[in-house]
């Protein structure tokens, strides 16, 4: 298995990074950093449901992009580079009415100018809820 992390990463670091952001507002909680993945969960509640009483598709996209783009940052030398979302594509497979959903992000490609991530979201019964492909652009930081 290849080493993907280029910057120090653990749950406390990514949790601190997410403070005062949409992910904190929606209740996204980072759970685990693995050798080649990052996972987080999100509650299905009034903040993340649509009027029909099921999880909003946009909330799935927010969770997927949060986990994927956070992971992407830590696969870069953050002193020189940063990543920004370039494209996101989500297929919704199963509705969720309550509880939590779990997202796991793994890279398909970690290149010099782009990264491509796959994010699977499952319900508490471990049933697939959605799959997302997230493409990140890798940009060089401006010299100050």
C-alpha atoms as a PDB file:
ATOM      1  CA  UNK A   1       0.000   0.000   0.000  1.00  0.00           C
ATOM      2  CA  UNK A   2       1.362   3.402  -0.933  1.00  0.00           C
ATOM      3  CA  UNK A   3       1.851   6.166   1.618  1.00  0.00           C
ATOM      4  CA  UNK A   4      -0.545   8.972   0.703  1.00  0.00           C
ATOM      5  CA  UNK A   5      -0.156  11.465   3.561  1.00  0.00           C
ATOM      6  CA  UNK A   6       2.414  14.209   2.936  1.00  0.00           C
ATOM      7  CA  UNK A   7       1.465  16.393   5.909  1.00  0.00           C
ATOM      8  CA  UNK A   8       0.903  15.310   9.510  1.00  0.00           C
ATOM      9  CA  UNK A   9      -2.690  14.170   9.918  1.00  0.00           C
ATOM     10  CA  UNK A  10      -4.893  12.792  12.678  1.00  0.00           C
ATOM     11  CA  UNK A  11      -8.529  13.190  13.725  1.00  0.00           C
ATOM     12  CA  UNK A  12      -7.770  16.102  16.082  1.00  0.00           C
ATOM     13  CA  UNK A  13      -5.963  18.059  13.335  1.00  0.00           C
ATOM     14  CA  UNK A  14      -8.729  17.677  10.738  1.00  0.00           C
ATOM     15  CA  UNK A  15     -11.406  18.416  13.358  1.00  0.00           C
ATOM     16  CA  UNK A  16      -9.652  21.658  14.322  1.00  0.00           C
ATOM     17  CA  UNK A  17      -9.307  22.600  10.636  1.00  0.00           C
ATOM     18  CA  UNK A  18     -13.091  22.197  10.137  1.00  0.00           C
ATOM     19  CA  UNK A  19     -14.097  24.590  12.932  1.00  0.00           C
ATOM     20  CA  UNK A  20     -16.255  27.575  11.933  1.00  0.00           C
ATOM     21  CA  UNK A  21     -17.184  26.034   8.581  1.00  0.00           C
ATOM     22  CA  UNK A  22     -20.166  24.419   6.885  1.00  0.00           C
ATOM     23  CA  UNK A  23     -19.012  20.992   8.005  1.00  0.00           C
ATOM     24  CA  UNK A  24     -19.137  22.049  11.660  1.00  0.00           C
ATOM     25  CA  UNK A  25     -22.597  23.572  11.136  1.00  0.00           C
ATOM     26  CA  UNK A  26     -23.926  20.339   9.616  1.00  0.00           C
ATOM     27  CA  UNK A  27     -22.436  18.249  12.431  1.00  0.00           C
ATOM     28  CA  UNK A  28     -19.834  16.436  10.325  1.00  0.00           C
ATOM     29  CA  UNK A  29     -17.480  14.548  12.631  1.00  0.00           C
ATOM     30  CA  UNK A  30     -14.177  13.073  11.461  1.00  0.00           C
ATOM     31  CA  UNK A  31     -13.743   9.531  12.735  1.00  0.00           C
ATOM     32  CA  UNK A  32     -10.620   7.840  11.440  1.00  0.00           C
ATOM     33  CA  UNK A  33      -7.437   8.360   9.457  1.00  0.00           C
ATOM     34  CA  UNK A  34      -6.265   5.160   7.797  1.00  0.00           C
ATOM     35  CA  UNK A  35      -3.194   4.452   5.705  1.00  0.00           C
ATOM     36  CA  UNK A  36      -5.094   5.333   2.521  1.00  0.00           C
ATOM     37  CA  UNK A  37      -8.428   6.820   3.652  1.00  0.00           C
ATOM     38  CA  UNK A  38     -10.222   9.406   5.778  1.00  0.00           C
ATOM     39  CA  UNK A  39     -13.674   8.805   7.252  1.00  0.00           C
ATOM     40  CA  UNK A  40     -16.350  11.014   8.775  1.00  0.00           C
ATOM     41  CA  UNK A  41     -20.002  10.823   9.717  1.00  0.00           C
ATOM     42  CA  UNK A  42     -22.904  13.229   9.486  1.00  0.00           C
ATOM     43  CA  UNK A  43     -26.275  13.197  11.251  1.00  0.00           C
ATOM     44  CA  UNK A  44     -29.459  13.004   9.218  1.00  0.00           C
ATOM     45  CA  UNK A  45     -31.570  15.650  10.933  1.00  0.00           C
ATOM     46  CA  UNK A  46     -33.358  18.958  10.310  1.00  0.00           C
ATOM     47  CA  UNK A  47     -30.108  20.555   9.053  1.00  0.00           C
ATOM     48  CA  UNK A  48     -29.488  17.852   6.449  1.00  0.00           C
ATOM     49  CA  UNK A  49     -33.000  16.781   5.355  1.00  0.00           C
ATOM     50  CA  UNK A  50     -35.111  18.021   2.470  1.00  0.00           C
ATOM     51  CA  UNK A  51     -38.896  18.660   2.736  1.00  0.00           C
ATOM     52  CA  UNK A  52     -39.772  14.995   1.991  1.00  0.00           C
ATOM     53  CA  UNK A  53     -38.051  14.006   5.253  1.00  0.00           C
ATOM     54  CA  UNK A  54     -35.023  12.291   3.684  1.00  0.00           C
ATOM     55  CA  UNK A  55     -31.385  13.370   3.527  1.00  0.00           C
ATOM     56  CA  UNK A  56     -30.908  16.180   1.024  1.00  0.00           C
ATOM     57  CA  UNK A  57     -28.753  15.220  -1.964  1.00  0.00           C
ATOM     58  CA  UNK A  58     -26.781  18.412  -1.485  1.00  0.00           C
ATOM     59  CA  UNK A  59     -25.947  17.338   2.064  1.00  0.00           C
ATOM     60  CA  UNK A  60     -24.476  14.115   0.635  1.00  0.00           C
ATOM     61  CA  UNK A  61     -22.350  16.233  -1.695  1.00  0.00           C
ATOM     62  CA  UNK A  62     -21.222  18.469   1.170  1.00  0.00           C
ATOM     63  CA  UNK A  63     -20.192  15.432   3.222  1.00  0.00           C
ATOM     64  CA  UNK A  64     -18.372  13.865   0.264  1.00  0.00           C
ATOM     65  CA  UNK A  65     -16.548  17.066  -0.664  1.00  0.00           C
ATOM     66  CA  UNK A  66     -15.671  17.772   2.968  1.00  0.00           C
ATOM     67  CA  UNK A  67     -14.055  14.373   3.476  1.00  0.00           C
ATOM     68  CA  UNK A  68     -12.447  14.196   0.027  1.00  0.00           C
ATOM     69  CA  UNK A  69     -11.086  17.728  -0.061  1.00  0.00           C
ATOM     70  CA  UNK A  70      -9.833  17.501   3.522  1.00  0.00           C
ATOM     71  CA  UNK A  71      -7.979  14.288   2.684  1.00  0.00           C
ATOM     72  CA  UNK A  72      -6.599  15.917  -0.473  1.00  0.00           C
ATOM     73  CA  UNK A  73      -5.003  18.750   1.520  1.00  0.00           C
ATOM     74  CA  UNK A  74      -3.028  16.283   3.617  1.00  0.00           C
ATOM     75  CA  UNK A  75      -1.724  14.508   0.522  1.00  0.00           C
ATOM     76  CA  UNK A  76       0.124  17.726  -0.353  1.00  0.00           C
ATOM     77  CA  UNK A  77       3.074  19.597   1.046  1.00  0.00           C
ATOM     78  CA  UNK A  78       0.893  22.337   2.560  1.00  0.00           C
ATOM     79  CA  UNK A  79       3.826  24.760   2.703  1.00  0.00           C
ATOM     80  CA  UNK A  80       3.892  24.816  -1.108  1.00  0.00           C
ATOM     81  CA  UNK A  81       0.498  23.606  -2.385  1.00  0.00           C
ATOM     82  CA  UNK A  82      -3.224  23.553  -1.717  1.00  0.00           C
ATOM     83  CA  UNK A  83      -6.161  21.823  -3.366  1.00  0.00           C
ATOM     84  CA  UNK A  84      -9.502  23.180  -4.538  1.00  0.00           C
ATOM     85  CA  UNK A  85     -12.542  21.361  -5.863  1.00  0.00           C
ATOM     86  CA  UNK A  86     -12.662  21.174  -9.650  1.00  0.00           C
ATOM     87  CA  UNK A  87     -15.527  18.729 -10.241  1.00  0.00           C
ATOM     88  CA  UNK A  88     -17.911  16.641  -8.175  1.00  0.00           C
ATOM     89  CA  UNK A  89     -20.270  13.927  -9.385  1.00  0.00           C
ATOM     90  CA  UNK A  90     -22.576  12.081  -7.009  1.00  0.00           C
ATOM     91  CA  UNK A  91     -24.917   9.191  -7.677  1.00  0.00           C
ATOM     92  CA  UNK A  92     -27.660   8.828  -5.061  1.00  0.00           C
ATOM     93  CA  UNK A  93     -28.557   5.185  -4.484  1.00  0.00           C
ATOM     94  CA  UNK A  94     -30.619   4.912  -1.294  1.00  0.00           C
ATOM     95  CA  UNK A  95     -32.633   7.374   0.818  1.00  0.00           C
ATOM     96  CA  UNK A  96     -31.893   7.901   4.505  1.00  0.00           C
ATOM     97  CA  UNK A  97     -34.513   9.230   6.942  1.00  0.00           C
ATOM     98  CA  UNK A  98     -32.640   9.258  10.269  1.00  0.00           C
ATOM     99  CA  UNK A  99     -29.486   8.344  12.107  1.00  0.00           C
ATOM    100  CA  UNK A 100     -26.008   8.904  10.723  1.00  0.00           C
ATOM    101  CA  UNK A 101     -24.307   8.376   7.390  1.00  0.00           C
ATOM    102  CA  UNK A 102     -20.641   7.392   7.117  1.00  0.00           C
ATOM    103  CA  UNK A 103     -18.317   8.655   4.361  1.00  0.00           C
ATOM    104  CA  UNK A 104     -14.984   7.099   3.420  1.00  0.00           C
ATOM    105  CA  UNK A 105     -12.676   8.884   0.972  1.00  0.00           C
ATOM    106  CA  UNK A 106      -9.889   7.070  -0.897  1.00  0.00           C
ATOM    107  CA  UNK A 107      -7.747   8.391  -3.744  1.00  0.00           C
ATOM    108  CA  UNK A 108      -7.939   7.026  -7.282  1.00  0.00           C
ATOM    109  CA  UNK A 109      -5.167   9.361  -8.476  1.00  0.00           C
ATOM    110  CA  UNK A 110      -2.715  11.683  -6.701  1.00  0.00           C
ATOM    111  CA  UNK A 111      -1.029  13.692  -9.436  1.00  0.00           C
ATOM    112  CA  UNK A 112       1.042  16.851  -9.589  1.00  0.00           C
ATOM    113  CA  UNK A 113      -1.810  19.011 -10.914  1.00  0.00           C
ATOM    114  CA  UNK A 114      -4.946  17.008 -10.052  1.00  0.00           C
ATOM    115  CA  UNK A 115      -6.228  14.463  -7.584  1.00  0.00           C
ATOM    116  CA  UNK A 116      -9.245  12.196  -8.087  1.00  0.00           C
ATOM    117  CA  UNK A 117     -11.031  10.815  -5.042  1.00  0.00           C
ATOM    118  CA  UNK A 118     -13.773   8.243  -4.564  1.00  0.00           C
ATOM    119  CA  UNK A 119     -16.118   8.735  -1.638  1.00  0.00           C
ATOM    120  CA  UNK A 120     -18.660   6.121  -0.572  1.00  0.00           C
ATOM    121  CA  UNK A 121     -21.432   7.079   1.822  1.00  0.00           C
ATOM    122  CA  UNK A 122     -23.255   4.322   3.733  1.00  0.00           C
ATOM    123  CA  UNK A 123     -26.046   4.218   6.283  1.00  0.00           C
ATOM    124  CA  UNK A 124     -25.805   2.708   9.756  1.00  0.00           C
ATOM    125  CA  UNK A 125     -26.755  -0.710   8.338  1.00  0.00           C
ATOM    126  CA  UNK A 126     -23.667  -0.439   6.075  1.00  0.00           C
ATOM    127  CA  UNK A 127     -25.862  -0.109   2.973  1.00  0.00           C
ATOM    128  CA  UNK A 128     -24.517   2.089   0.189  1.00  0.00           C
ATOM    129  CA  UNK A 129     -26.286   5.466   0.068  1.00  0.00           C
ATOM    130  CA  UNK A 130     -24.224   7.306  -2.564  1.00  0.00           C
ATOM    131  CA  UNK A 131     -20.981   7.258  -4.497  1.00  0.00           C
ATOM    132  CA  UNK A 132     -19.046  10.377  -5.401  1.00  0.00           C
ATOM    133  CA  UNK A 133     -16.090  11.138  -7.626  1.00  0.00           C
ATOM    134  CA  UNK A 134     -14.315  14.334  -6.584  1.00  0.00           C
ATOM    135  CA  UNK A 135     -11.617  15.951  -8.721  1.00  0.00           C
ATOM    136  CA  UNK A 136      -9.298  18.409  -7.014  1.00  0.00           C
ATOM    137  CA  UNK A 137      -6.995  20.918  -8.697  1.00  0.00           C
ATOM    138  CA  UNK A 138      -3.572  21.175  -7.062  1.00  0.00           C
ATOM    139  CA  UNK A 139      -2.372  24.788  -6.952  1.00  0.00           C
ATOM    140  CA  UNK A 140       0.950  26.304  -5.928  1.00  0.00           C
ATOM    141  CA  UNK A 141       0.804  28.827  -3.098  1.00  0.00           C
ATOM    142  CA  UNK A 142       1.842  32.355  -3.983  1.00  0.00           C
ATOM    143  CA  UNK A 143       5.135  33.472  -2.496  1.00  0.00           C
ATOM    144  CA  UNK A 144       4.585  36.100   0.178  1.00  0.00           C
END
